[in-house]
């Protein structure tokens, strides 16, 4: 999608601190980290939010989660854990209309989140 900031990041049109990319997904550090480890994993395919996941693209969601888990381990979160977050639409706190998984770790995270 031409006006989507995450599509532009995935395509290399907007600089980011990428930690992984392949034909299906890109992972990069959050521009405004909320924890010592805070990165996002996004599909290259523009999917607005998790409510748009259907049977056709559900395997992609699984691959995004597996990569998020692998990267969290590589970044030191395996022993103490991390939070995996998918915000959805306005009430869910989604601020960019492109499906993304936040991974936060490296410190204790409270609940509820605010």
C-alpha atoms as a PDB file:
ATOM      1  CA  UNK A   1       0.000   0.000   0.000  1.00  0.00           C
ATOM      2  CA  UNK A   2       1.530   3.281  -1.148  1.00  0.00           C
ATOM      3  CA  UNK A   3       0.840   5.353   1.990  1.00  0.00           C
ATOM      4  CA  UNK A   4       1.647   2.681   4.619  1.00  0.00           C
ATOM      5  CA  UNK A   5       4.744   3.438   6.696  1.00  0.00           C
ATOM      6  CA  UNK A   6       5.365  -0.266   7.419  1.00  0.00           C
ATOM      7  CA  UNK A   7       5.123  -1.180   3.721  1.00  0.00           C
ATOM      8  CA  UNK A   8       7.689   1.551   3.048  1.00  0.00           C
ATOM      9  CA  UNK A   9       9.975   0.184   5.792  1.00  0.00           C
ATOM     10  CA  UNK A  10       9.674  -3.357   4.394  1.00  0.00           C
ATOM     11  CA  UNK A  11      10.530  -2.069   0.903  1.00  0.00           C
ATOM     12  CA  UNK A  12      13.521  -0.091   2.185  1.00  0.00           C
ATOM     13  CA  UNK A  13      11.958   3.288   1.370  1.00  0.00           C
ATOM     14  CA  UNK A  14      12.105   4.413   5.007  1.00  0.00           C
ATOM     15  CA  UNK A  15      15.227   3.686   7.072  1.00  0.00           C
ATOM     16  CA  UNK A  16      14.891   1.359  10.032  1.00  0.00           C
ATOM     17  CA  UNK A  17      17.161  -0.757  12.170  1.00  0.00           C
ATOM     18  CA  UNK A  18      16.255  -4.116  10.634  1.00  0.00           C
ATOM     19  CA  UNK A  19      17.123  -7.324  12.436  1.00  0.00           C
ATOM     20  CA  UNK A  20      15.632  -9.779   9.960  1.00  0.00           C
ATOM     21  CA  UNK A  21      14.021  -9.880   6.540  1.00  0.00           C
ATOM     22  CA  UNK A  22      13.014 -12.436   3.945  1.00  0.00           C
ATOM     23  CA  UNK A  23      10.450 -12.683   1.142  1.00  0.00           C
ATOM     24  CA  UNK A  24       7.511 -12.785   3.594  1.00  0.00           C
ATOM     25  CA  UNK A  25       8.440 -10.605   6.547  1.00  0.00           C
ATOM     26  CA  UNK A  26      10.629  -7.924   8.056  1.00  0.00           C
ATOM     27  CA  UNK A  27      11.650  -7.411  11.681  1.00  0.00           C
ATOM     28  CA  UNK A  28      13.025  -4.136  12.998  1.00  0.00           C
ATOM     29  CA  UNK A  29      13.569  -2.308  16.272  1.00  0.00           C
ATOM     30  CA  UNK A  30      10.751  -0.050  17.451  1.00  0.00           C
ATOM     31  CA  UNK A  31      11.517   3.648  16.920  1.00  0.00           C
ATOM     32  CA  UNK A  32      10.188   4.423  20.420  1.00  0.00           C
ATOM     33  CA  UNK A  33      11.173   1.391  22.533  1.00  0.00           C
ATOM     34  CA  UNK A  34       9.210   0.662  25.677  1.00  0.00           C
ATOM     35  CA  UNK A  35      11.664  -1.975  26.966  1.00  0.00           C
ATOM     36  CA  UNK A  36      15.351  -2.819  26.523  1.00  0.00           C
ATOM     37  CA  UNK A  37      14.283  -5.288  23.829  1.00  0.00           C
ATOM     38  CA  UNK A  38      11.467  -3.944  21.645  1.00  0.00           C
ATOM     39  CA  UNK A  39      11.084  -4.922  18.031  1.00  0.00           C
ATOM     40  CA  UNK A  40       8.304  -5.504  15.520  1.00  0.00           C
ATOM     41  CA  UNK A  41       7.715  -8.325  13.072  1.00  0.00           C
ATOM     42  CA  UNK A  42       5.560  -7.428  10.067  1.00  0.00           C
ATOM     43  CA  UNK A  43       4.401  -9.260   6.966  1.00  0.00           C
ATOM     44  CA  UNK A  44       5.561  -7.766   3.668  1.00  0.00           C
ATOM     45  CA  UNK A  45       2.039  -8.353   2.391  1.00  0.00           C
ATOM     46  CA  UNK A  46      -0.201  -5.484   3.482  1.00  0.00           C
ATOM     47  CA  UNK A  47      -2.722  -6.888   5.959  1.00  0.00           C
ATOM     48  CA  UNK A  48      -4.380  -4.099   7.940  1.00  0.00           C
ATOM     49  CA  UNK A  49      -4.875  -5.954  11.225  1.00  0.00           C
ATOM     50  CA  UNK A  50      -5.411  -9.350  12.789  1.00  0.00           C
ATOM     51  CA  UNK A  51      -9.155  -9.162  12.066  1.00  0.00           C
ATOM     52  CA  UNK A  52      -8.239  -9.586   8.379  1.00  0.00           C
ATOM     53  CA  UNK A  53      -6.457 -12.917   8.910  1.00  0.00           C
ATOM     54  CA  UNK A  54      -8.315 -15.683   7.098  1.00  0.00           C
ATOM     55  CA  UNK A  55      -7.654 -19.312   6.205  1.00  0.00           C
ATOM     56  CA  UNK A  56      -5.530 -18.280   3.227  1.00  0.00           C
ATOM     57  CA  UNK A  57      -3.062 -16.162   5.192  1.00  0.00           C
ATOM     58  CA  UNK A  58      -3.223 -17.836   8.612  1.00  0.00           C
ATOM     59  CA  UNK A  59      -0.026 -19.860   7.938  1.00  0.00           C
ATOM     60  CA  UNK A  60       1.787 -16.540   7.498  1.00  0.00           C
ATOM     61  CA  UNK A  61       0.688 -15.463  10.983  1.00  0.00           C
ATOM     62  CA  UNK A  62       2.192 -18.663  12.370  1.00  0.00           C
ATOM     63  CA  UNK A  63       5.488 -17.991  10.605  1.00  0.00           C
ATOM     64  CA  UNK A  64       5.525 -14.412  11.937  1.00  0.00           C
ATOM     65  CA  UNK A  65       5.073 -15.712  15.488  1.00  0.00           C
ATOM     66  CA  UNK A  66       7.787 -18.343  15.090  1.00  0.00           C
ATOM     67  CA  UNK A  67      10.223 -15.722  13.799  1.00  0.00           C
ATOM     68  CA  UNK A  68       9.273 -13.378  16.667  1.00  0.00           C
ATOM     69  CA  UNK A  69      10.038 -16.191  19.106  1.00  0.00           C
ATOM     70  CA  UNK A  70      13.375 -17.012  17.435  1.00  0.00           C
ATOM     71  CA  UNK A  71      14.476 -13.380  17.441  1.00  0.00           C
ATOM     72  CA  UNK A  72      13.423 -12.875  21.066  1.00  0.00           C
ATOM     73  CA  UNK A  73      15.647 -15.817  22.024  1.00  0.00           C
ATOM     74  CA  UNK A  74      18.553 -14.431  19.995  1.00  0.00           C
ATOM     75  CA  UNK A  75      18.155 -11.086  21.761  1.00  0.00           C
ATOM     76  CA  UNK A  76      18.368 -12.633  25.236  1.00  0.00           C
ATOM     77  CA  UNK A  77      14.740 -13.132  26.241  1.00  0.00           C
ATOM     78  CA  UNK A  78      14.614 -16.928  26.348  1.00  0.00           C
ATOM     79  CA  UNK A  79      15.366 -17.388  30.053  1.00  0.00           C
ATOM     80  CA  UNK A  80      13.110 -14.720  31.576  1.00  0.00           C
ATOM     81  CA  UNK A  81      10.562 -14.329  28.766  1.00  0.00           C
ATOM     82  CA  UNK A  82       9.031 -11.556  26.696  1.00  0.00           C
ATOM     83  CA  UNK A  83       5.669 -10.093  25.819  1.00  0.00           C
ATOM     84  CA  UNK A  84       4.247 -10.692  22.331  1.00  0.00           C
ATOM     85  CA  UNK A  85       1.566  -8.135  21.456  1.00  0.00           C
ATOM     86  CA  UNK A  86      -0.766  -7.705  18.492  1.00  0.00           C
ATOM     87  CA  UNK A  87      -2.788  -4.510  18.830  1.00  0.00           C
ATOM     88  CA  UNK A  88      -5.942  -4.322  16.722  1.00  0.00           C
ATOM     89  CA  UNK A  89      -7.802  -1.218  15.594  1.00  0.00           C
ATOM     90  CA  UNK A  90      -8.509   1.914  17.647  1.00  0.00           C
ATOM     91  CA  UNK A  91      -9.727   0.292  20.882  1.00  0.00           C
ATOM     92  CA  UNK A  92      -6.882  -2.208  20.780  1.00  0.00           C
ATOM     93  CA  UNK A  93      -4.279   0.526  20.568  1.00  0.00           C
ATOM     94  CA  UNK A  94      -3.197  -0.049  16.962  1.00  0.00           C
ATOM     95  CA  UNK A  95      -1.577   3.110  15.582  1.00  0.00           C
ATOM     96  CA  UNK A  96      -0.292   1.810  12.231  1.00  0.00           C
ATOM     97  CA  UNK A  97      -2.826   0.039  10.002  1.00  0.00           C
ATOM     98  CA  UNK A  98      -0.513  -2.822   9.050  1.00  0.00           C
ATOM     99  CA  UNK A  99      -0.483  -6.073  11.011  1.00  0.00           C
ATOM    100  CA  UNK A 100       2.514  -6.192  13.335  1.00  0.00           C
ATOM    101  CA  UNK A 101       3.726  -8.116  16.339  1.00  0.00           C
ATOM    102  CA  UNK A 102       5.485  -6.176  19.077  1.00  0.00           C
ATOM    103  CA  UNK A 103       8.026  -8.133  21.118  1.00  0.00           C
ATOM    104  CA  UNK A 104       9.087  -6.538  24.397  1.00  0.00           C
ATOM    105  CA  UNK A 105      11.559  -7.961  26.887  1.00  0.00           C
ATOM    106  CA  UNK A 106      14.640  -7.346  28.938  1.00  0.00           C
ATOM    107  CA  UNK A 107      12.761  -6.128  32.027  1.00  0.00           C
ATOM    108  CA  UNK A 108       9.700  -7.109  34.055  1.00  0.00           C
ATOM    109  CA  UNK A 109       6.490  -5.920  32.379  1.00  0.00           C
ATOM    110  CA  UNK A 110       3.435  -5.084  34.495  1.00  0.00           C
ATOM    111  CA  UNK A 111      -0.172  -6.071  33.952  1.00  0.00           C
ATOM    112  CA  UNK A 112      -2.578  -4.709  33.019  1.00  0.00           C
ATOM    113  CA  UNK A 113      -0.736  -2.645  30.437  1.00  0.00           C
ATOM    114  CA  UNK A 114      -2.481   0.706  30.843  1.00  0.00           C
END
